[in-house]
Amino acid sequence: MENKFYLKEFEYYDGESFVKFNIVALYDEKNITLAVSKQGKVTVSKYDLHTDENGLYFEYGIAGQEHIYIEDFEEITEC
């Protein structure tokens, strides 16, 4: 599973600014490591993965209220 999603990205608007997630590692369906870019700062964070009827996701935001689905990530394209 790791190679299928490596470095794919997803951009999310949290109500204040855009947050960009890049997949660093996805070894199993339990954890994901992401590079998270927000307001010029980059952090590397590990999240637990969950599954529902829409697929595999991690929780983000206040109390994990937002579900970010792995299948929504896209390949990085060069301009």
PDB file of N, CA and C in Angstrom:
ATOM      1  N   MET A   1       0.821  -1.200   0.000  1.00  0.00           N
ATOM      2  CA  MET A   1       0.000   0.000   0.000  1.00  0.00           C
ATOM      3  C   MET A   1       0.864   1.263   0.000  1.00  0.00           C
ATOM      4  N   GLU A   2       2.065   1.203   0.543  1.00  0.00           N
ATOM      5  CA  GLU A   2       2.911   2.385   0.669  1.00  0.00           C
ATOM      6  C   GLU A   2       3.197   3.047  -0.673  1.00  0.00           C
ATOM      7  N   ASN A   3       3.629   2.309  -1.682  1.00  0.00           N
ATOM      8  CA  ASN A   3       4.013   2.886  -2.959  1.00  0.00           C
ATOM      9  C   ASN A   3       2.835   3.479  -3.720  1.00  0.00           C
ATOM     10  N   LYS A   4       1.646   2.935  -3.548  1.00  0.00           N
ATOM     11  CA  LYS A   4       0.466   3.415  -4.263  1.00  0.00           C
ATOM     12  C   LYS A   4       0.136   4.866  -3.904  1.00  0.00           C
ATOM     13  N   PHE A   5       0.366   5.268  -2.672  1.00  0.00           N
ATOM     14  CA  PHE A   5      -0.035   6.593  -2.218  1.00  0.00           C
ATOM     15  C   PHE A   5       1.124   7.532  -1.892  1.00  0.00           C
ATOM     16  N   TYR A   6       2.368   7.083  -1.966  1.00  0.00           N
ATOM     17  CA  TYR A   6       3.526   7.868  -1.544  1.00  0.00           C
ATOM     18  C   TYR A   6       3.547   9.246  -2.193  1.00  0.00           C
ATOM     19  N   LEU A   7       3.621  10.275  -1.384  1.00  0.00           N
ATOM     20  CA  LEU A   7       3.702  11.690  -1.740  1.00  0.00           C
ATOM     21  C   LEU A   7       2.479  12.256  -2.446  1.00  0.00           C
ATOM     22  N   LYS A   8       1.386  11.529  -2.502  1.00  0.00           N
ATOM     23  CA  LYS A   8       0.173  12.133  -3.032  1.00  0.00           C
ATOM     24  C   LYS A   8      -0.258  13.235  -2.082  1.00  0.00           C
ATOM     25  N   GLU A   9      -0.999  14.217  -2.610  1.00  0.00           N
ATOM     26  CA  GLU A   9      -1.367  15.342  -1.767  1.00  0.00           C
ATOM     27  C   GLU A   9      -2.859  15.639  -1.817  1.00  0.00           C
ATOM     28  N   PHE A  10      -3.297  16.355  -0.788  1.00  0.00           N
ATOM     29  CA  PHE A  10      -4.685  16.777  -0.681  1.00  0.00           C
ATOM     30  C   PHE A  10      -4.686  18.158  -0.042  1.00  0.00           C
ATOM     31  N   GLU A  11      -5.486  19.075  -0.588  1.00  0.00           N
ATOM     32  CA  GLU A  11      -5.581  20.411  -0.020  1.00  0.00           C
ATOM     33  C   GLU A  11      -6.963  20.584   0.604  1.00  0.00           C
ATOM     34  N   TYR A  12      -6.989  21.131   1.801  1.00  0.00           N
ATOM     35  CA  TYR A  12      -8.212  21.265   2.582  1.00  0.00           C
ATOM     36  C   TYR A  12      -8.297  22.687   3.138  1.00  0.00           C
ATOM     37  N   TYR A  13      -9.471  23.306   3.068  1.00  0.00           N
ATOM     38  CA  TYR A  13      -9.683  24.628   3.663  1.00  0.00           C
ATOM     39  C   TYR A  13     -10.340  24.445   5.020  1.00  0.00           C
ATOM     40  N   ASP A  14      -9.680  24.898   6.079  1.00  0.00           N
ATOM     41  CA  ASP A  14     -10.176  24.674   7.443  1.00  0.00           C
ATOM     42  C   ASP A  14     -11.029  25.820   7.995  1.00  0.00           C
ATOM     43  N   GLY A  15     -11.415  26.744   7.126  1.00  0.00           N
ATOM     44  CA  GLY A  15     -12.221  27.886   7.561  1.00  0.00           C
ATOM     45  C   GLY A  15     -11.393  29.135   7.761  1.00  0.00           C
ATOM     46  N   GLU A  16     -10.074  28.983   7.919  1.00  0.00           N
ATOM     47  CA  GLU A  16      -9.164  30.110   8.095  1.00  0.00           C
ATOM     48  C   GLU A  16      -8.090  30.150   7.016  1.00  0.00           C
ATOM     49  N   SER A  17      -7.586  28.981   6.656  1.00  0.00           N
ATOM     50  CA  SER A  17      -6.511  28.904   5.673  1.00  0.00           C
ATOM     51  C   SER A  17      -6.504  27.527   5.018  1.00  0.00           C
ATOM     52  N   PHE A  18      -5.724  27.421   3.949  1.00  0.00           N
ATOM     53  CA  PHE A  18      -5.585  26.143   3.279  1.00  0.00           C
ATOM     54  C   PHE A  18      -4.525  25.303   3.979  1.00  0.00           C
ATOM     55  N   VAL A  19      -4.805  24.023   4.104  1.00  0.00           N
ATOM     56  CA  VAL A  19      -3.882  23.065   4.699  1.00  0.00           C
ATOM     57  C   VAL A  19      -3.567  22.042   3.616  1.00  0.00           C
ATOM     58  N   LYS A  20      -2.279  21.797   3.387  1.00  0.00           N
ATOM     59  CA  LYS A  20      -1.882  20.807   2.388  1.00  0.00           C
ATOM     60  C   LYS A  20      -1.302  19.594   3.099  1.00  0.00           C
ATOM     61  N   PHE A  21      -1.814  18.420   2.749  1.00  0.00           N
ATOM     62  CA  PHE A  21      -1.353  17.155   3.299  1.00  0.00           C
ATOM     63  C   PHE A  21      -0.607  16.388   2.216  1.00  0.00           C
ATOM     64  N   ASN A  22       0.589  15.917   2.521  1.00  0.00           N
ATOM     65  CA  ASN A  22       1.337  15.037   1.623  1.00  0.00           C
ATOM     66  C   ASN A  22       1.612  13.740   2.365  1.00  0.00           C
ATOM     67  N   ILE A  23       1.276  12.613   1.726  1.00  0.00           N
ATOM     68  CA  ILE A  23       1.492  11.316   2.350  1.00  0.00           C
ATOM     69  C   ILE A  23       2.976  10.980   2.329  1.00  0.00           C
ATOM     70  N   VAL A  24       3.535  10.722   3.490  1.00  0.00           N
ATOM     71  CA  VAL A  24       4.931  10.318   3.626  1.00  0.00           C
ATOM     72  C   VAL A  24       5.019   8.802   3.732  1.00  0.00           C
ATOM     73  N   ALA A  25       4.152   8.201   4.539  1.00  0.00           N
ATOM     74  CA  ALA A  25       4.170   6.748   4.716  1.00  0.00           C
ATOM     75  C   ALA A  25       2.776   6.242   5.051  1.00  0.00           C
ATOM     76  N   LEU A  26       2.420   5.139   4.396  1.00  0.00           N
ATOM     77  CA  LEU A  26       1.165   4.453   4.658  1.00  0.00           C
ATOM     78  C   LEU A  26       1.480   2.973   4.570  1.00  0.00           C
ATOM     79  N   TYR A  27       1.855   2.406   5.710  1.00  0.00           N
ATOM     80  CA  TYR A  27       2.344   1.030   5.729  1.00  0.00           C
ATOM     81  C   TYR A  27       1.239  -0.002   5.878  1.00  0.00           C
ATOM     82  N   ASP A  28       0.158   0.371   6.502  1.00  0.00           N
ATOM     83  CA  ASP A  28      -0.949  -0.553   6.733  1.00  0.00           C
ATOM     84  C   ASP A  28      -2.226   0.272   6.812  1.00  0.00           C
ATOM     85  N   GLU A  29      -3.300  -0.335   7.170  1.00  0.00           N
ATOM     86  CA  GLU A  29      -4.559   0.400   7.269  1.00  0.00           C
ATOM     87  C   GLU A  29      -4.841   0.875   8.687  1.00  0.00           C
ATOM     88  N   LYS A  30      -3.767   1.073   9.479  1.00  0.00           N
ATOM     89  CA  LYS A  30      -3.922   1.528  10.859  1.00  0.00           C
ATOM     90  C   LYS A  30      -3.354   2.922  11.098  1.00  0.00           C
ATOM     91  N   ASN A  31      -2.272   3.280  10.387  1.00  0.00           N
ATOM     92  CA  ASN A  31      -1.590   4.556  10.613  1.00  0.00           C
ATOM     93  C   ASN A  31      -1.140   5.171   9.295  1.00  0.00           C
ATOM     94  N   ILE A  32      -1.060   6.500   9.313  1.00  0.00           N
ATOM     95  CA  ILE A  32      -0.546   7.240   8.167  1.00  0.00           C
ATOM     96  C   ILE A  32       0.368   8.342   8.695  1.00  0.00           C
ATOM     97  N   THR A  33       1.466   8.592   8.009  1.00  0.00           N
ATOM     98  CA  THR A  33       2.366   9.695   8.336  1.00  0.00           C
ATOM     99  C   THR A  33       2.235  10.722   7.224  1.00  0.00           C
ATOM    100  N   LEU A  34       1.994  11.976   7.619  1.00  0.00           N
ATOM    101  CA  LEU A  34       1.752  13.054   6.665  1.00  0.00           C
ATOM    102  C   LEU A  34       2.656  14.238   6.934  1.00  0.00           C
ATOM    103  N   ALA A  35       3.068  14.917   5.866  1.00  0.00           N
ATOM    104  CA  ALA A  35       3.672  16.237   5.973  1.00  0.00           C
ATOM    105  C   ALA A  35       2.501  17.210   5.853  1.00  0.00           C
ATOM    106  N   VAL A  36       2.312  18.034   6.870  1.00  0.00           N
ATOM    107  CA  VAL A  36       1.177  18.953   6.920  1.00  0.00           C
ATOM    108  C   VAL A  36       1.703  20.376   6.804  1.00  0.00           C
ATOM    109  N   SER A  37       1.284  21.095   5.749  1.00  0.00           N
ATOM    110  CA  SER A  37       1.712  22.476   5.514  1.00  0.00           C
ATOM    111  C   SER A  37       0.546  23.411   5.778  1.00  0.00           C
ATOM    112  N   LYS A  38       0.765  24.349   6.720  1.00  0.00           N
ATOM    113  CA  LYS A  38      -0.278  25.312   7.054  1.00  0.00           C
ATOM    114  C   LYS A  38       0.362  26.638   7.417  1.00  0.00           C
ATOM    115  N   GLN A  39      -0.051  27.680   6.741  1.00  0.00           N
ATOM    116  CA  GLN A  39       0.425  29.039   6.984  1.00  0.00           C
ATOM    117  C   GLN A  39       1.946  29.124   7.009  1.00  0.00           C
ATOM    118  N   GLY A  40       2.599  28.471   6.065  1.00  0.00           N
ATOM    119  CA  GLY A  40       4.046  28.545   5.928  1.00  0.00           C
ATOM    120  C   GLY A  40       4.827  27.617   6.837  1.00  0.00           C
ATOM    121  N   LYS A  41       4.154  26.843   7.663  1.00  0.00           N
ATOM    122  CA  LYS A  41       4.831  25.908   8.558  1.00  0.00           C
ATOM    123  C   LYS A  41       4.552  24.480   8.106  1.00  0.00           C
ATOM    124  N   VAL A  42       5.578  23.642   8.196  1.00  0.00           N
ATOM    125  CA  VAL A  42       5.441  22.242   7.820  1.00  0.00           C
ATOM    126  C   VAL A  42       5.746  21.382   9.037  1.00  0.00           C
ATOM    127  N   THR A  43       4.848  20.453   9.318  1.00  0.00           N
ATOM    128  CA  THR A  43       5.066  19.492  10.397  1.00  0.00           C
ATOM    129  C   THR A  43       4.838  18.091   9.834  1.00  0.00           C
ATOM    130  N   VAL A  44       5.484  17.120  10.431  1.00  0.00           N
ATOM    131  CA  VAL A  44       5.255  15.730  10.072  1.00  0.00           C
ATOM    132  C   VAL A  44       4.486  15.105  11.226  1.00  0.00           C
ATOM    133  N   SER A  45       3.314  14.566  10.908  1.00  0.00           N
ATOM    134  CA  SER A  45       2.433  14.034  11.939  1.00  0.00           C
ATOM    135  C   SER A  45       1.943  12.646  11.564  1.00  0.00           C
ATOM    136  N   LYS A  46       1.692  11.843  12.587  1.00  0.00           N
ATOM    137  CA  LYS A  46       1.161  10.499  12.400  1.00  0.00           C
ATOM    138  C   LYS A  46      -0.292  10.498  12.872  1.00  0.00           C
ATOM    139  N   TYR A  47      -1.180   9.909  12.064  1.00  0.00           N
ATOM    140  CA  TYR A  47      -2.597   9.846  12.384  1.00  0.00           C
ATOM    141  C   TYR A  47      -3.070   8.397  12.360  1.00  0.00           C
ATOM    142  N   ASP A  48      -4.053   8.097  13.198  1.00  0.00           N
ATOM    143  CA  ASP A  48      -4.715   6.796  13.155  1.00  0.00           C
ATOM    144  C   ASP A  48      -5.677   6.796  11.976  1.00  0.00           C
ATOM    145  N   LEU A  49      -5.810   5.652  11.320  1.00  0.00           N
ATOM    146  CA  LEU A  49      -6.752   5.511  10.216  1.00  0.00           C
ATOM    147  C   LEU A  49      -8.013   4.800  10.677  1.00  0.00           C
ATOM    148  N   HIS A  50      -9.129   5.175  10.063  1.00  0.00           N
ATOM    149  CA  HIS A  50     -10.434   4.605  10.365  1.00  0.00           C
ATOM    150  C   HIS A  50     -11.102   4.241   9.042  1.00  0.00           C
ATOM    151  N   THR A  51     -12.135   3.426   9.128  1.00  0.00           N
ATOM    152  CA  THR A  51     -12.870   3.030   7.930  1.00  0.00           C
ATOM    153  C   THR A  51     -14.362   3.213   8.166  1.00  0.00           C
ATOM    154  N   ASP A  52     -15.054   3.725   7.150  1.00  0.00           N
ATOM    155  CA  ASP A  52     -16.509   3.756   7.173  1.00  0.00           C
ATOM    156  C   ASP A  52     -17.015   3.370   5.789  1.00  0.00           C
ATOM    157  N   GLU A  53     -18.288   3.593   5.525  1.00  0.00           N
ATOM    158  CA  GLU A  53     -18.849   3.198   4.239  1.00  0.00           C
ATOM    159  C   GLU A  53     -18.239   3.929   3.051  1.00  0.00           C
ATOM    160  N   ASN A  54     -17.553   5.060   3.290  1.00  0.00           N
ATOM    161  CA  ASN A  54     -16.926   5.834   2.219  1.00  0.00           C
ATOM    162  C   ASN A  54     -15.452   5.512   2.024  1.00  0.00           C
ATOM    163  N   GLY A  55     -14.872   4.680   2.882  1.00  0.00           N
ATOM    164  CA  GLY A  55     -13.487   4.278   2.723  1.00  0.00           C
ATOM    165  C   GLY A  55     -12.605   4.592   3.914  1.00  0.00           C
ATOM    166  N   LEU A  56     -11.303   4.584   3.650  1.00  0.00           N
ATOM    167  CA  LEU A  56     -10.269   4.793   4.660  1.00  0.00           C
ATOM    168  C   LEU A  56     -10.043   6.288   4.858  1.00  0.00           C
ATOM    169  N   TYR A  57     -10.000   6.746   6.133  1.00  0.00           N
ATOM    170  CA  TYR A  57      -9.830   8.175   6.410  1.00  0.00           C
ATOM    171  C   TYR A  57      -9.068   8.390   7.716  1.00  0.00           C
ATOM    172  N   PHE A  58      -8.596   9.645   7.911  1.00  0.00           N
ATOM    173  CA  PHE A  58      -8.070  10.065   9.200  1.00  0.00           C
ATOM    174  C   PHE A  58      -8.867  11.275   9.646  1.00  0.00           C
ATOM    175  N   GLU A  59      -8.850  11.517  10.941  1.00  0.00           N
ATOM    176  CA  GLU A  59      -9.607  12.626  11.519  1.00  0.00           C
ATOM    177  C   GLU A  59      -8.691  13.836  11.674  1.00  0.00           C
ATOM    178  N   TYR A  60      -9.223  15.026  11.348  1.00  0.00           N
ATOM    179  CA  TYR A  60      -8.449  16.257  11.423  1.00  0.00           C
ATOM    180  C   TYR A  60      -9.339  17.358  11.985  1.00  0.00           C
ATOM    181  N   GLY A  61      -8.715  18.328  12.624  1.00  0.00           N
ATOM    182  CA  GLY A  61      -9.443  19.474  13.136  1.00  0.00           C
ATOM    183  C   GLY A  61      -9.807  19.314  14.596  1.00  0.00           C
ATOM    184  N   ILE A  62     -10.633  20.219  15.057  1.00  0.00           N
ATOM    185  CA  ILE A  62     -11.051  20.222  16.451  1.00  0.00           C
ATOM    186  C   ILE A  62     -11.837  18.948  16.741  1.00  0.00           C
ATOM    187  N   ALA A  63     -11.330  18.176  17.697  1.00  0.00           N
ATOM    188  CA  ALA A  63     -11.947  16.907  18.118  1.00  0.00           C
ATOM    189  C   ALA A  63     -12.134  15.947  16.949  1.00  0.00           C
ATOM    190  N   GLY A  64     -11.287  16.065  15.920  1.00  0.00           N
ATOM    191  CA  GLY A  64     -11.350  15.141  14.794  1.00  0.00           C
ATOM    192  C   GLY A  64     -12.641  15.225  14.008  1.00  0.00           C
ATOM    193  N   GLN A  65     -13.232  16.407  13.957  1.00  0.00           N
ATOM    194  CA  GLN A  65     -14.537  16.563  13.318  1.00  0.00           C
ATOM    195  C   GLN A  65     -14.517  16.394  11.805  1.00  0.00           C
ATOM    196  N   GLU A  66     -13.372  16.596  11.169  1.00  0.00           N
ATOM    197  CA  GLU A  66     -13.283  16.439   9.719  1.00  0.00           C
ATOM    198  C   GLU A  66     -12.697  15.083   9.373  1.00  0.00           C
ATOM    199  N   HIS A  67     -13.299  14.400   8.426  1.00  0.00           N
ATOM    200  CA  HIS A  67     -12.782  13.129   7.939  1.00  0.00           C
ATOM    201  C   HIS A  67     -12.135  13.370   6.581  1.00  0.00           C
ATOM    202  N   ILE A  68     -10.829  13.120   6.492  1.00  0.00           N
ATOM    203  CA  ILE A  68     -10.084  13.289   5.251  1.00  0.00           C
ATOM    204  C   ILE A  68      -9.844  11.892   4.682  1.00  0.00           C
ATOM    205  N   TYR A  69     -10.428  11.624   3.512  1.00  0.00           N
ATOM    206  CA  TYR A  69     -10.366  10.292   2.907  1.00  0.00           C
ATOM    207  C   TYR A  69      -9.114  10.123   2.051  1.00  0.00           C
ATOM    208  N   ILE A  70      -8.451   8.992   2.211  1.00  0.00           N
ATOM    209  CA  ILE A  70      -7.208   8.701   1.500  1.00  0.00           C
ATOM    210  C   ILE A  70      -7.426   8.686  -0.015  1.00  0.00           C
ATOM    211  N   GLU A  71      -8.547   8.193  -0.459  1.00  0.00           N
ATOM    212  CA  GLU A  71      -8.827   8.121  -1.899  1.00  0.00           C
ATOM    213  C   GLU A  71      -8.979   9.499  -2.533  1.00  0.00           C
ATOM    214  N   ASP A  72      -9.142  10.571  -1.728  1.00  0.00           N
ATOM    215  CA  ASP A  72      -9.254  11.928  -2.259  1.00  0.00           C
ATOM    216  C   ASP A  72      -7.898  12.551  -2.578  1.00  0.00           C
ATOM    217  N   PHE A  73      -6.825  11.915  -2.143  1.00  0.00           N
ATOM    218  CA  PHE A  73      -5.482  12.424  -2.431  1.00  0.00           C
ATOM    219  C   PHE A  73      -5.171  12.224  -3.910  1.00  0.00           C
ATOM    220  N   GLU A  74      -4.415  13.157  -4.487  1.00  0.00           N
ATOM    221  CA  GLU A  74      -4.066  13.103  -5.902  1.00  0.00           C
ATOM    222  C   GLU A  74      -2.558  13.112  -6.080  1.00  0.00           C
ATOM    223  N   GLU A  75      -2.118  12.622  -7.226  1.00  0.00           N
ATOM    224  CA  GLU A  75      -0.698  12.668  -7.548  1.00  0.00           C
ATOM    225  C   GLU A  75      -0.249  14.095  -7.732  1.00  0.00           C
ATOM    226  N   ILE A  76       0.968  14.380  -7.332  1.00  0.00           N
ATOM    227  CA  ILE A  76       1.538  15.708  -7.523  1.00  0.00           C
ATOM    228  C   ILE A  76       1.925  15.827  -8.983  1.00  0.00           C
ATOM    229  N   THR A  77       1.482  16.905  -9.631  1.00  0.00           N
ATOM    230  CA  THR A  77       1.816  17.131 -11.030  1.00  0.00           C
ATOM    231  C   THR A  77       2.717  18.343 -11.130  1.00  0.00           C
ATOM    232  N   GLU A  78       3.697  18.247 -11.970  1.00  0.00           N
ATOM    233  CA  GLU A  78       4.613  19.372 -12.211  1.00  0.00           C
ATOM    234  C   GLU A  78       4.039  20.278 -13.281  1.00  0.00           C
ATOM    235  N   CYS A  79       4.222  21.573 -13.118  1.00  0.00           N
ATOM    236  CA  CYS A  79       3.738  22.546 -14.100  1.00  0.00           C
ATOM    237  C   CYS A  79       4.808  22.876 -15.105  1.00  0.00           C
TER     238      CYS A  79
END
